[in-house]
Amino acid sequence: MTSTGRQPIFDVETRKDFEQRVINSDRPVVVDFHASWCCPCKALAPRLENIVSEQGGRVRLARVDIDEHGELAMDYNVGSVPSLMVISNGKVVNRMVGLQTSEYIRKWLHKAVPHPKN
């Protein structure tokens, strides 16, 4: 993927990229810490992409490969994969570890990023 900051779903390329596109984001970001060898991570990826796409641009999804960015995984105390967290205004506001159903992920995300009231 390219490095434009507006993409709702992107792969983190460097620590600076993470800081610019996640920590300094103007909206909440779901961070997916994963590994290429992790089967549950592979199963979770399309679920996450669909759920983020359903949000209508209210949140973004950043994918962090722990084998390429081990220091970021250590910074955020990632002990196993898949590990998800929502970062809003530079702070972790919710965490989840392991493969979960789409419905569970939607509820988890809604706790961290409530839908606006109409």
PDB file of N, CA and C in Angstrom:
ATOM      1  N   MET A   1       0.831  -1.178   0.000  1.00  0.00           N
ATOM      2  CA  MET A   1       0.000   0.000   0.000  1.00  0.00           C
ATOM      3  C   MET A   1       0.878   1.245   0.000  1.00  0.00           C
ATOM      4  N   THR A   2       0.303   2.312  -0.471  1.00  0.00           N
ATOM      5  CA  THR A   2       1.047   3.564  -0.477  1.00  0.00           C
ATOM      6  C   THR A   2       1.008   4.209   0.893  1.00  0.00           C
ATOM      7  N   SER A   3       1.743   5.283   1.067  1.00  0.00           N
ATOM      8  CA  SER A   3       1.894   5.894   2.381  1.00  0.00           C
ATOM      9  C   SER A   3       0.990   7.095   2.620  1.00  0.00           C
ATOM     10  N   THR A   4      -0.124   7.186   1.926  1.00  0.00           N
ATOM     11  CA  THR A   4      -1.013   8.304   2.210  1.00  0.00           C
ATOM     12  C   THR A   4      -1.689   8.089   3.549  1.00  0.00           C
ATOM     13  N   GLY A   5      -1.831   9.141   4.319  1.00  0.00           N
ATOM     14  CA  GLY A   5      -2.386   9.045   5.656  1.00  0.00           C
ATOM     15  C   GLY A   5      -3.896   8.875   5.689  1.00  0.00           C
ATOM     16  N   ARG A   6      -4.566   8.934   4.565  1.00  0.00           N
ATOM     17  CA  ARG A   6      -6.023   8.896   4.530  1.00  0.00           C
ATOM     18  C   ARG A   6      -6.595   7.502   4.308  1.00  0.00           C
ATOM     19  N   GLN A   7      -5.772   6.536   3.979  1.00  0.00           N
ATOM     20  CA  GLN A   7      -6.286   5.199   3.724  1.00  0.00           C
ATOM     21  C   GLN A   7      -6.848   4.603   5.002  1.00  0.00           C
ATOM     22  N   PRO A   8      -8.034   3.992   4.930  1.00  0.00           N
ATOM     23  CA  PRO A   8      -8.609   3.417   6.137  1.00  0.00           C
ATOM     24  C   PRO A   8      -7.897   2.138   6.593  1.00  0.00           C
ATOM     25  N   ILE A   9      -7.249   1.435   5.668  1.00  0.00           N
ATOM     26  CA  ILE A   9      -6.551   0.189   5.996  1.00  0.00           C
ATOM     27  C   ILE A   9      -5.148   0.272   5.408  1.00  0.00           C
ATOM     28  N   PHE A  10      -4.134   0.080   6.264  1.00  0.00           N
ATOM     29  CA  PHE A  10      -2.759   0.210   5.774  1.00  0.00           C
ATOM     30  C   PHE A  10      -1.804  -0.650   6.591  1.00  0.00           C
ATOM     31  N   ASP A  11      -0.670  -0.976   5.969  1.00  0.00           N
ATOM     32  CA  ASP A  11       0.416  -1.691   6.634  1.00  0.00           C
ATOM     33  C   ASP A  11       1.408  -0.670   7.166  1.00  0.00           C
ATOM     34  N   VAL A  12       1.795  -0.821   8.424  1.00  0.00           N
ATOM     35  CA  VAL A  12       2.794   0.066   9.014  1.00  0.00           C
ATOM     36  C   VAL A  12       4.151  -0.300   8.434  1.00  0.00           C
ATOM     37  N   GLU A  13       4.875   0.709   7.938  1.00  0.00           N
ATOM     38  CA  GLU A  13       6.149   0.462   7.269  1.00  0.00           C
ATOM     39  C   GLU A  13       7.360   0.747   8.147  1.00  0.00           C
ATOM     40  N   THR A  14       7.266   1.739   9.040  1.00  0.00           N
ATOM     41  CA  THR A  14       8.382   2.119   9.913  1.00  0.00           C
ATOM     42  C   THR A  14       7.816   2.648  11.232  1.00  0.00           C
ATOM     43  N   ARG A  15       8.696   2.850  12.208  1.00  0.00           N
ATOM     44  CA  ARG A  15       8.259   3.445  13.483  1.00  0.00           C
ATOM     45  C   ARG A  15       7.705   4.854  13.241  1.00  0.00           C
ATOM     46  N   LYS A  16       8.364   5.623  12.381  1.00  0.00           N
ATOM     47  CA  LYS A  16       7.891   6.978  12.068  1.00  0.00           C
ATOM     48  C   LYS A  16       6.510   6.924  11.419  1.00  0.00           C
ATOM     49  N   ASP A  17       6.314   5.970  10.527  1.00  0.00           N
ATOM     50  CA  ASP A  17       5.021   5.759   9.883  1.00  0.00           C
ATOM     51  C   ASP A  17       3.953   5.474  10.948  1.00  0.00           C
ATOM     52  N   PHE A  18       4.278   4.623  11.925  1.00  0.00           N
ATOM     53  CA  PHE A  18       3.355   4.301  13.016  1.00  0.00           C
ATOM     54  C   PHE A  18       2.999   5.564  13.798  1.00  0.00           C
ATOM     55  N   GLU A  19       3.998   6.352  14.120  1.00  0.00           N
ATOM     56  CA  GLU A  19       3.752   7.581  14.882  1.00  0.00           C
ATOM     57  C   GLU A  19       2.853   8.543  14.108  1.00  0.00           C
ATOM     58  N   GLN A  20       3.143   8.714  12.817  1.00  0.00           N
ATOM     59  CA  GLN A  20       2.375   9.660  12.009  1.00  0.00           C
ATOM     60  C   GLN A  20       0.947   9.186  11.764  1.00  0.00           C
ATOM     61  N   ARG A  21       0.786   7.905  11.428  1.00  0.00           N
ATOM     62  CA  ARG A  21      -0.509   7.416  10.970  1.00  0.00           C
ATOM     63  C   ARG A  21      -1.372   6.791  12.060  1.00  0.00           C
ATOM     64  N   VAL A  22      -0.753   6.450  13.197  1.00  0.00           N
ATOM     65  CA  VAL A  22      -1.514   5.846  14.295  1.00  0.00           C
ATOM     66  C   VAL A  22      -1.568   6.792  15.495  1.00  0.00           C
ATOM     67  N   ILE A  23      -0.415   7.091  16.063  1.00  0.00           N
ATOM     68  CA  ILE A  23      -0.362   7.927  17.261  1.00  0.00           C
ATOM     69  C   ILE A  23      -0.948   9.314  16.998  1.00  0.00           C
ATOM     70  N   ASN A  24      -0.628   9.908  15.860  1.00  0.00           N
ATOM     71  CA  ASN A  24      -1.086  11.266  15.539  1.00  0.00           C
ATOM     72  C   ASN A  24      -2.341  11.298  14.671  1.00  0.00           C
ATOM     73  N   SER A  25      -3.038  10.179  14.564  1.00  0.00           N
ATOM     74  CA  SER A  25      -4.233  10.111  13.725  1.00  0.00           C
ATOM     75  C   SER A  25      -5.347  10.999  14.273  1.00  0.00           C
ATOM     76  N   ASP A  26      -6.117  11.569  13.356  1.00  0.00           N
ATOM     77  CA  ASP A  26      -7.254  12.407  13.751  1.00  0.00           C
ATOM     78  C   ASP A  26      -8.495  11.581  14.081  1.00  0.00           C
ATOM     79  N   ARG A  27      -8.382  10.274  13.971  1.00  0.00           N
ATOM     80  CA  ARG A  27      -9.487   9.382  14.341  1.00  0.00           C
ATOM     81  C   ARG A  27      -8.914   8.107  14.955  1.00  0.00           C
ATOM     82  N   PRO A  28      -9.730   7.327  15.657  1.00  0.00           N
ATOM     83  CA  PRO A  28      -9.222   6.101  16.279  1.00  0.00           C
ATOM     84  C   PRO A  28      -8.671   5.125  15.241  1.00  0.00           C
ATOM     85  N   VAL A  29      -7.668   4.359  15.670  1.00  0.00           N
ATOM     86  CA  VAL A  29      -7.035   3.369  14.802  1.00  0.00           C
ATOM     87  C   VAL A  29      -7.035   2.020  15.515  1.00  0.00           C
ATOM     88  N   VAL A  30      -7.555   0.998  14.828  1.00  0.00           N
ATOM     89  CA  VAL A  30      -7.428  -0.375  15.307  1.00  0.00           C
ATOM     90  C   VAL A  30      -6.066  -0.854  14.830  1.00  0.00           C
ATOM     91  N   VAL A  31      -5.228  -1.296  15.757  1.00  0.00           N
ATOM     92  CA  VAL A  31      -3.901  -1.791  15.402  1.00  0.00           C
ATOM     93  C   VAL A  31      -3.926  -3.308  15.517  1.00  0.00           C
ATOM     94  N   ASP A  32      -3.603  -3.978  14.418  1.00  0.00           N
ATOM     95  CA  ASP A  32      -3.578  -5.437  14.341  1.00  0.00           C
ATOM     96  C   ASP A  32      -2.124  -5.894  14.349  1.00  0.00           C
ATOM     97  N   PHE A  33      -1.655  -6.372  15.498  1.00  0.00           N
ATOM     98  CA  PHE A  33      -0.320  -6.965  15.587  1.00  0.00           C
ATOM     99  C   PHE A  33      -0.461  -8.421  15.167  1.00  0.00           C
ATOM    100  N   HIS A  34       0.236  -8.797  14.095  1.00  0.00           N
ATOM    101  CA  HIS A  34       0.097 -10.137  13.528  1.00  0.00           C
ATOM    102  C   HIS A  34       1.452 -10.651  13.060  1.00  0.00           C
ATOM    103  N   ALA A  35       1.448 -11.893  12.560  1.00  0.00           N
ATOM    104  CA  ALA A  35       2.649 -12.486  11.968  1.00  0.00           C
ATOM    105  C   ALA A  35       2.234 -13.316  10.758  1.00  0.00           C
ATOM    106  N   SER A  36       3.100 -13.381   9.767  1.00  0.00           N
ATOM    107  CA  SER A  36       2.783 -14.105   8.533  1.00  0.00           C
ATOM    108  C   SER A  36       2.595 -15.599   8.766  1.00  0.00           C
ATOM    109  N   TRP A  37       3.226 -16.152   9.795  1.00  0.00           N
ATOM    110  CA  TRP A  37       3.149 -17.585  10.090  1.00  0.00           C
ATOM    111  C   TRP A  37       1.970 -17.946  10.995  1.00  0.00           C
ATOM    112  N   CYS A  38       1.188 -16.970  11.414  1.00  0.00           N
ATOM    113  CA  CYS A  38       0.111 -17.155  12.393  1.00  0.00           C
ATOM    114  C   CYS A  38      -1.222 -17.438  11.691  1.00  0.00           C
ATOM    115  N   CYS A  39      -1.713 -18.680  11.798  1.00  0.00           N
ATOM    116  CA  CYS A  39      -2.982 -19.045  11.149  1.00  0.00           C
ATOM    117  C   CYS A  39      -4.181 -18.268  11.695  1.00  0.00           C
ATOM    118  N   PRO A  40      -4.326 -18.095  13.023  1.00  0.00           N
ATOM    119  CA  PRO A  40      -5.442 -17.273  13.511  1.00  0.00           C
ATOM    120  C   PRO A  40      -5.381 -15.831  12.992  1.00  0.00           C
ATOM    121  N   CYS A  41      -4.171 -15.312  12.805  1.00  0.00           N
ATOM    122  CA  CYS A  41      -4.027 -13.952  12.255  1.00  0.00           C
ATOM    123  C   CYS A  41      -4.598 -13.889  10.841  1.00  0.00           C
ATOM    124  N   LYS A  42      -4.319 -14.928  10.063  1.00  0.00           N
ATOM    125  CA  LYS A  42      -4.816 -14.967   8.682  1.00  0.00           C
ATOM    126  C   LYS A  42      -6.337 -15.050   8.648  1.00  0.00           C
ATOM    127  N   ALA A  43      -6.916 -15.773   9.609  1.00  0.00           N
ATOM    128  CA  ALA A  43      -8.374 -15.884   9.677  1.00  0.00           C
ATOM    129  C   ALA A  43      -9.010 -14.574  10.140  1.00  0.00           C
ATOM    130  N   LEU A  44      -8.325 -13.855  11.009  1.00  0.00           N
ATOM    131  CA  LEU A  44      -8.858 -12.611  11.563  1.00  0.00           C
ATOM    132  C   LEU A  44      -8.815 -11.453  10.565  1.00  0.00           C
ATOM    133  N   ALA A  45      -7.816 -11.421   9.709  1.00  0.00           N
ATOM    134  CA  ALA A  45      -7.590 -10.280   8.812  1.00  0.00           C
ATOM    135  C   ALA A  45      -8.820  -9.870   8.001  1.00  0.00           C
ATOM    136  N   PRO A  46      -9.489 -10.788   7.282  1.00  0.00           N
ATOM    137  CA  PRO A  46     -10.650 -10.343   6.497  1.00  0.00           C
ATOM    138  C   PRO A  46     -11.811  -9.867   7.373  1.00  0.00           C
ATOM    139  N   ARG A  47     -11.966 -10.448   8.560  1.00  0.00           N
ATOM    140  CA  ARG A  47     -13.019  -9.990   9.477  1.00  0.00           C
ATOM    141  C   ARG A  47     -12.766  -8.538   9.875  1.00  0.00           C
ATOM    142  N   LEU A  48     -11.523  -8.257  10.237  1.00  0.00           N
ATOM    143  CA  LEU A  48     -11.166  -6.889  10.638  1.00  0.00           C
ATOM    144  C   LEU A  48     -11.381  -5.902   9.501  1.00  0.00           C
ATOM    145  N   GLU A  49     -10.934  -6.272   8.315  1.00  0.00           N
ATOM    146  CA  GLU A  49     -11.088  -5.385   7.163  1.00  0.00           C
ATOM    147  C   GLU A  49     -12.557  -5.069   6.913  1.00  0.00           C
ATOM    148  N   ASN A  50     -13.414  -6.090   6.996  1.00  0.00           N
ATOM    149  CA  ASN A  50     -14.850  -5.874   6.789  1.00  0.00           C
ATOM    150  C   ASN A  50     -15.433  -4.963   7.858  1.00  0.00           C
ATOM    151  N   ILE A  51     -15.077  -5.202   9.112  1.00  0.00           N
ATOM    152  CA  ILE A  51     -15.621  -4.408  10.217  1.00  0.00           C
ATOM    153  C   ILE A  51     -15.167  -2.955  10.123  1.00  0.00           C
ATOM    154  N   VAL A  52     -13.908  -2.729   9.806  1.00  0.00           N
ATOM    155  CA  VAL A  52     -13.417  -1.353   9.647  1.00  0.00           C
ATOM    156  C   VAL A  52     -14.113  -0.683   8.461  1.00  0.00           C
ATOM    157  N   SER A  53     -14.309  -1.408   7.379  1.00  0.00           N
ATOM    158  CA  SER A  53     -14.998  -0.849   6.212  1.00  0.00           C
ATOM    159  C   SER A  53     -16.435  -0.459   6.549  1.00  0.00           C
ATOM    160  N   GLU A  54     -17.075  -1.211   7.438  1.00  0.00           N
ATOM    161  CA  GLU A  54     -18.451  -0.909   7.851  1.00  0.00           C
ATOM    162  C   GLU A  54     -18.556   0.398   8.644  1.00  0.00           C
ATOM    163  N   GLN A  55     -17.459   0.880   9.163  1.00  0.00           N
ATOM    164  CA  GLN A  55     -17.475   2.048  10.053  1.00  0.00           C
ATOM    165  C   GLN A  55     -17.576   3.381   9.316  1.00  0.00           C
ATOM    166  N   GLY A  56     -17.573   3.348   8.002  1.00  0.00           N
ATOM    167  CA  GLY A  56     -17.768   4.570   7.229  1.00  0.00           C
ATOM    168  C   GLY A  56     -16.695   5.626   7.433  1.00  0.00           C
ATOM    169  N   GLY A  57     -15.448   5.194   7.641  1.00  0.00           N
ATOM    170  CA  GLY A  57     -14.346   6.137   7.778  1.00  0.00           C
ATOM    171  C   GLY A  57     -14.130   6.668   9.184  1.00  0.00           C
ATOM    172  N   ARG A  58     -14.912   6.203  10.162  1.00  0.00           N
ATOM    173  CA  ARG A  58     -14.751   6.675  11.548  1.00  0.00           C
ATOM    174  C   ARG A  58     -13.491   6.127  12.204  1.00  0.00           C
ATOM    175  N   VAL A  59     -13.008   4.979  11.726  1.00  0.00           N
ATOM    176  CA  VAL A  59     -11.789   4.369  12.267  1.00  0.00           C
ATOM    177  C   VAL A  59     -10.912   3.893  11.122  1.00  0.00           C
ATOM    178  N   ARG A  60      -9.645   3.690  11.436  1.00  0.00           N
ATOM    179  CA  ARG A  60      -8.696   3.125  10.476  1.00  0.00           C
ATOM    180  C   ARG A  60      -8.162   1.815  11.034  1.00  0.00           C
ATOM    181  N   LEU A  61      -7.544   1.027  10.166  1.00  0.00           N
ATOM    182  CA  LEU A  61      -6.920  -0.230  10.559  1.00  0.00           C
ATOM    183  C   LEU A  61      -5.457  -0.192  10.156  1.00  0.00           C
ATOM    184  N   ALA A  62      -4.574  -0.340  11.143  1.00  0.00           N
ATOM    185  CA  ALA A  62      -3.130  -0.395  10.896  1.00  0.00           C
ATOM    186  C   ALA A  62      -2.656  -1.810  11.168  1.00  0.00           C
ATOM    187  N   ARG A  63      -1.991  -2.411  10.210  1.00  0.00           N
ATOM    188  CA  ARG A  63      -1.467  -3.767  10.372  1.00  0.00           C
ATOM    189  C   ARG A  63       0.025  -3.689  10.662  1.00  0.00           C
ATOM    190  N   VAL A  64       0.429  -4.347  11.761  1.00  0.00           N
ATOM    191  CA  VAL A  64       1.832  -4.338  12.179  1.00  0.00           C
ATOM    192  C   VAL A  64       2.332  -5.777  12.228  1.00  0.00           C
ATOM    193  N   ASP A  65       3.263  -6.121  11.349  1.00  0.00           N
ATOM    194  CA  ASP A  65       3.885  -7.447  11.348  1.00  0.00           C
ATOM    195  C   ASP A  65       4.938  -7.468  12.454  1.00  0.00           C
ATOM    196  N   ILE A  66       4.745  -8.331  13.463  1.00  0.00           N
ATOM    197  CA  ILE A  66       5.659  -8.333  14.611  1.00  0.00           C
ATOM    198  C   ILE A  66       7.060  -8.804  14.248  1.00  0.00           C
ATOM    199  N   ASP A  67       7.196  -9.568  13.177  1.00  0.00           N
ATOM    200  CA  ASP A  67       8.529 -10.004  12.757  1.00  0.00           C
ATOM    201  C   ASP A  67       9.310  -8.861  12.116  1.00  0.00           C
ATOM    202  N   GLU A  68       8.615  -7.925  11.507  1.00  0.00           N
ATOM    203  CA  GLU A  68       9.262  -6.760  10.899  1.00  0.00           C
ATOM    204  C   GLU A  68       9.402  -5.605  11.886  1.00  0.00           C
ATOM    205  N   HIS A  69       8.503  -5.549  12.863  1.00  0.00           N
ATOM    206  CA  HIS A  69       8.464  -4.423  13.807  1.00  0.00           C
ATOM    207  C   HIS A  69       8.372  -4.930  15.243  1.00  0.00           C
ATOM    208  N   GLY A  70       9.337  -5.752  15.622  1.00  0.00           N
ATOM    209  CA  GLY A  70       9.362  -6.327  16.963  1.00  0.00           C
ATOM    210  C   GLY A  70       9.433  -5.289  18.062  1.00  0.00           C
ATOM    211  N   GLU A  71      10.116  -4.175  17.785  1.00  0.00           N
ATOM    212  CA  GLU A  71      10.234  -3.127  18.806  1.00  0.00           C
ATOM    213  C   GLU A  71       8.880  -2.491  19.111  1.00  0.00           C
ATOM    214  N   LEU A  72       8.028  -2.334  18.103  1.00  0.00           N
ATOM    215  CA  LEU A  72       6.682  -1.803  18.350  1.00  0.00           C
ATOM    216  C   LEU A  72       5.863  -2.793  19.170  1.00  0.00           C
ATOM    217  N   ALA A  73       5.997  -4.078  18.837  1.00  0.00           N
ATOM    218  CA  ALA A  73       5.285  -5.105  19.603  1.00  0.00           C
ATOM    219  C   ALA A  73       5.719  -5.075  21.064  1.00  0.00           C
ATOM    220  N   MET A  74       7.004  -4.921  21.311  1.00  0.00           N
ATOM    221  CA  MET A  74       7.494  -4.846  22.691  1.00  0.00           C
ATOM    222  C   MET A  74       7.004  -3.573  23.374  1.00  0.00           C
ATOM    223  N   ASP A  75       7.013  -2.462  22.658  1.00  0.00           N
ATOM    224  CA  ASP A  75       6.540  -1.192  23.226  1.00  0.00           C
ATOM    225  C   ASP A  75       5.098  -1.290  23.720  1.00  0.00           C
ATOM    226  N   TYR A  76       4.291  -2.098  23.035  1.00  0.00           N
ATOM    227  CA  TYR A  76       2.875  -2.226  23.374  1.00  0.00           C
ATOM    228  C   TYR A  76       2.559  -3.541  24.091  1.00  0.00           C
ATOM    229  N   ASN A  77       3.594  -4.185  24.626  1.00  0.00           N
ATOM    230  CA  ASN A  77       3.435  -5.407  25.429  1.00  0.00           C
ATOM    231  C   ASN A  77       2.640  -6.495  24.718  1.00  0.00           C
ATOM    232  N   VAL A  78       2.947  -6.701  23.443  1.00  0.00           N
ATOM    233  CA  VAL A  78       2.290  -7.751  22.676  1.00  0.00           C
ATOM    234  C   VAL A  78       3.005  -9.059  22.984  1.00  0.00           C
ATOM    235  N   GLY A  79       2.308  -9.966  23.673  1.00  0.00           N
ATOM    236  CA  GLY A  79       2.897 -11.236  24.062  1.00  0.00           C
ATOM    237  C   GLY A  79       2.486 -12.384  23.172  1.00  0.00           C
ATOM    238  N   SER A  80       1.391 -12.212  22.427  1.00  0.00           N
ATOM    239  CA  SER A  80       0.938 -13.243  21.502  1.00  0.00           C
ATOM    240  C   SER A  80       0.162 -12.574  20.375  1.00  0.00           C
ATOM    241  N   VAL A  81       0.001 -13.313  19.301  1.00  0.00           N
ATOM    242  CA  VAL A  81      -0.728 -12.797  18.144  1.00  0.00           C
ATOM    243  C   VAL A  81      -1.859 -13.758  17.793  1.00  0.00           C
ATOM    244  N   PRO A  82      -2.936 -13.225  17.230  1.00  0.00           N
ATOM    245  CA  PRO A  82      -3.158 -11.814  16.954  1.00  0.00           C
ATOM    246  C   PRO A  82      -3.480 -11.021  18.222  1.00  0.00           C
ATOM    247  N   SER A  83      -2.991  -9.803  18.258  1.00  0.00           N
ATOM    248  CA  SER A  83      -3.319  -8.854  19.325  1.00  0.00           C
ATOM    249  C   SER A  83      -3.858  -7.592  18.673  1.00  0.00           C
ATOM    250  N   LEU A  84      -4.992  -7.151  19.161  1.00  0.00           N
ATOM    251  CA  LEU A  84      -5.615  -5.937  18.636  1.00  0.00           C
ATOM    252  C   LEU A  84      -5.671  -4.889  19.724  1.00  0.00           C
ATOM    253  N   MET A  85      -5.554  -3.654  19.325  1.00  0.00           N
ATOM    254  CA  MET A  85      -5.803  -2.558  20.253  1.00  0.00           C
ATOM    255  C   MET A  85      -6.379  -1.389  19.476  1.00  0.00           C
ATOM    256  N   VAL A  86      -7.140  -0.580  20.178  1.00  0.00           N
ATOM    257  CA  VAL A  86      -7.638   0.664  19.604  1.00  0.00           C
ATOM    258  C   VAL A  86      -6.811   1.779  20.220  1.00  0.00           C
ATOM    259  N   ILE A  87      -6.215   2.597  19.364  1.00  0.00           N
ATOM    260  CA  ILE A  87      -5.456   3.759  19.819  1.00  0.00           C
ATOM    261  C   ILE A  87      -6.205   5.005  19.371  1.00  0.00           C
ATOM    262  N   SER A  88      -6.511   5.852  20.346  1.00  0.00           N
ATOM    263  CA  SER A  88      -7.233   7.090  20.082  1.00  0.00           C
ATOM    264  C   SER A  88      -6.529   8.218  20.823  1.00  0.00           C
ATOM    265  N   ASN A  89      -6.267   9.303  20.121  1.00  0.00           N
ATOM    266  CA  ASN A  89      -5.536  10.438  20.705  1.00  0.00           C
ATOM    267  C   ASN A  89      -4.208   9.995  21.308  1.00  0.00           C
ATOM    268  N   GLY A  90      -3.548   9.045  20.638  1.00  0.00           N
ATOM    269  CA  GLY A  90      -2.225   8.599  21.062  1.00  0.00           C
ATOM    270  C   GLY A  90      -2.208   7.609  22.206  1.00  0.00           C
ATOM    271  N   LYS A  91      -3.384   7.200  22.704  1.00  0.00           N
ATOM    272  CA  LYS A  91      -3.446   6.300  23.853  1.00  0.00           C
ATOM    273  C   LYS A  91      -4.227   5.029  23.527  1.00  0.00           C
ATOM    274  N   VAL A  92      -3.797   3.906  24.123  1.00  0.00           N
ATOM    275  CA  VAL A  92      -4.517   2.644  23.969  1.00  0.00           C
ATOM    276  C   VAL A  92      -5.793   2.727  24.799  1.00  0.00           C
ATOM    277  N   VAL A  93      -6.943   2.544  24.148  1.00  0.00           N
ATOM    278  CA  VAL A  93      -8.218   2.619  24.855  1.00  0.00           C
ATOM    279  C   VAL A  93      -8.918   1.268  24.975  1.00  0.00           C
ATOM    280  N   ASN A  94      -8.454   0.261  24.246  1.00  0.00           N
ATOM    281  CA  ASN A  94      -9.023  -1.080  24.346  1.00  0.00           C
ATOM    282  C   ASN A  94      -8.043  -2.073  23.743  1.00  0.00           C
ATOM    283  N   ARG A  95      -8.022  -3.302  24.299  1.00  0.00           N
ATOM    284  CA  ARG A  95      -7.125  -4.360  23.821  1.00  0.00           C
ATOM    285  C   ARG A  95      -7.891  -5.671  23.727  1.00  0.00           C
ATOM    286  N   MET A  96      -7.419  -6.547  22.839  1.00  0.00           N
ATOM    287  CA  MET A  96      -7.997  -7.880  22.701  1.00  0.00           C
ATOM    288  C   MET A  96      -6.921  -8.804  22.138  1.00  0.00           C
ATOM    289  N   VAL A  97      -6.902 -10.035  22.615  1.00  0.00           N
ATOM    290  CA  VAL A  97      -5.939 -11.015  22.127  1.00  0.00           C
ATOM    291  C   VAL A  97      -6.695 -12.233  21.623  1.00  0.00           C
ATOM    292  N   GLY A  98      -6.261 -12.760  20.482  1.00  0.00           N
ATOM    293  CA  GLY A  98      -6.818 -14.005  19.968  1.00  0.00           C
ATOM    294  C   GLY A  98      -7.850 -13.810  18.878  1.00  0.00           C
ATOM    295  N   LEU A  99      -8.208 -14.918  18.261  1.00  0.00           N
ATOM    296  CA  LEU A  99      -9.196 -14.943  17.188  1.00  0.00           C
ATOM    297  C   LEU A  99     -10.589 -14.865  17.801  1.00  0.00           C
ATOM    298  N   GLN A 100     -11.389 -13.936  17.340  1.00  0.00           N
ATOM    299  CA  GLN A 100     -12.744 -13.736  17.852  1.00  0.00           C
ATOM    300  C   GLN A 100     -13.721 -13.682  16.685  1.00  0.00           C
ATOM    301  N   THR A 101     -15.007 -13.828  17.007  1.00  0.00           N
ATOM    302  CA  THR A 101     -16.041 -13.731  15.976  1.00  0.00           C
ATOM    303  C   THR A 101     -16.198 -12.274  15.531  1.00  0.00           C
ATOM    304  N   SER A 102     -16.787 -12.101  14.377  1.00  0.00           N
ATOM    305  CA  SER A 102     -17.037 -10.744  13.875  1.00  0.00           C
ATOM    306  C   SER A 102     -17.932  -9.969  14.831  1.00  0.00           C
ATOM    307  N   GLU A 103     -18.957 -10.621  15.363  1.00  0.00           N
ATOM    308  CA  GLU A 103     -19.875  -9.941  16.285  1.00  0.00           C
ATOM    309  C   GLU A 103     -19.153  -9.488  17.549  1.00  0.00           C
ATOM    310  N   TYR A 104     -18.291 -10.327  18.078  1.00  0.00           N
ATOM    311  CA  TYR A 104     -17.527  -9.966  19.274  1.00  0.00           C
ATOM    312  C   TYR A 104     -16.630  -8.757  18.987  1.00  0.00           C
ATOM    313  N   ILE A 105     -15.982  -8.765  17.820  1.00  0.00           N
ATOM    314  CA  ILE A 105     -15.088  -7.658  17.457  1.00  0.00           C
ATOM    315  C   ILE A 105     -15.885  -6.359  17.301  1.00  0.00           C
ATOM    316  N   ARG A 106     -17.069  -6.436  16.689  1.00  0.00           N
ATOM    317  CA  ARG A 106     -17.911  -5.237  16.549  1.00  0.00           C
ATOM    318  C   ARG A 106     -18.252  -4.650  17.922  1.00  0.00           C
ATOM    319  N   LYS A 107     -18.656  -5.507  18.859  1.00  0.00           N
ATOM    320  CA  LYS A 107     -18.997  -5.038  20.213  1.00  0.00           C
ATOM    321  C   LYS A 107     -17.770  -4.453  20.902  1.00  0.00           C
ATOM    322  N   TRP A 108     -16.628  -5.112  20.753  1.00  0.00           N
ATOM    323  CA  TRP A 108     -15.373  -4.641  21.343  1.00  0.00           C
ATOM    324  C   TRP A 108     -15.016  -3.258  20.795  1.00  0.00           C
ATOM    325  N   LEU A 109     -15.135  -3.098  19.477  1.00  0.00           N
ATOM    326  CA  LEU A 109     -14.819  -1.820  18.848  1.00  0.00           C
ATOM    327  C   LEU A 109     -15.808  -0.736  19.287  1.00  0.00           C
ATOM    328  N   HIS A 110     -17.075  -1.094  19.389  1.00  0.00           N
ATOM    329  CA  HIS A 110     -18.104  -0.123  19.787  1.00  0.00           C
ATOM    330  C   HIS A 110     -17.848   0.409  21.198  1.00  0.00           C
ATOM    331  N   LYS A 111     -17.308  -0.415  22.080  1.00  0.00           N
ATOM    332  CA  LYS A 111     -16.977   0.049  23.439  1.00  0.00           C
ATOM    333  C   LYS A 111     -15.906   1.134  23.397  1.00  0.00           C
ATOM    334  N   ALA A 112     -14.958   0.988  22.490  1.00  0.00           N
ATOM    335  CA  ALA A 112     -13.856   1.953  22.388  1.00  0.00           C
ATOM    336  C   ALA A 112     -14.218   3.157  21.528  1.00  0.00           C
ATOM    337  N   VAL A 113     -15.053   2.940  20.525  1.00  0.00           N
ATOM    338  CA  VAL A 113     -15.419   3.991  19.574  1.00  0.00           C
ATOM    339  C   VAL A 113     -16.937   3.965  19.400  1.00  0.00           C
ATOM    340  N   PRO A 114     -17.685   4.558  20.325  1.00  0.00           N
ATOM    341  CA  PRO A 114     -19.147   4.526  20.234  1.00  0.00           C
ATOM    342  C   PRO A 114     -19.646   5.189  18.953  1.00  0.00           C
ATOM    343  N   HIS A 115     -20.735   4.641  18.426  1.00  0.00           N
ATOM    344  CA  HIS A 115     -21.368   5.247  17.251  1.00  0.00           C
ATOM    345  C   HIS A 115     -21.967   6.584  17.644  1.00  0.00           C
ATOM    346  N   PRO A 116     -21.882   7.574  16.764  1.00  0.00           N
ATOM    347  CA  PRO A 116     -22.508   8.865  17.082  1.00  0.00           C
ATOM    348  C   PRO A 116     -24.026   8.704  17.153  1.00  0.00           C
ATOM    349  N   LYS A 117     -24.640   9.438  18.032  1.00  0.00           N
ATOM    350  CA  LYS A 117     -26.101   9.378  18.179  1.00  0.00           C
ATOM    351  C   LYS A 117     -26.736  10.277  17.125  1.00  0.00           C
ATOM    352  N   ASN A 118     -27.773   9.768  16.482  1.00  0.00           N
ATOM    353  CA  ASN A 118     -28.469  10.543  15.434  1.00  0.00           C
ATOM    354  C   ASN A 118     -29.650  11.273  16.013  1.00  0.00           C
TER     355      ASN A 118
END
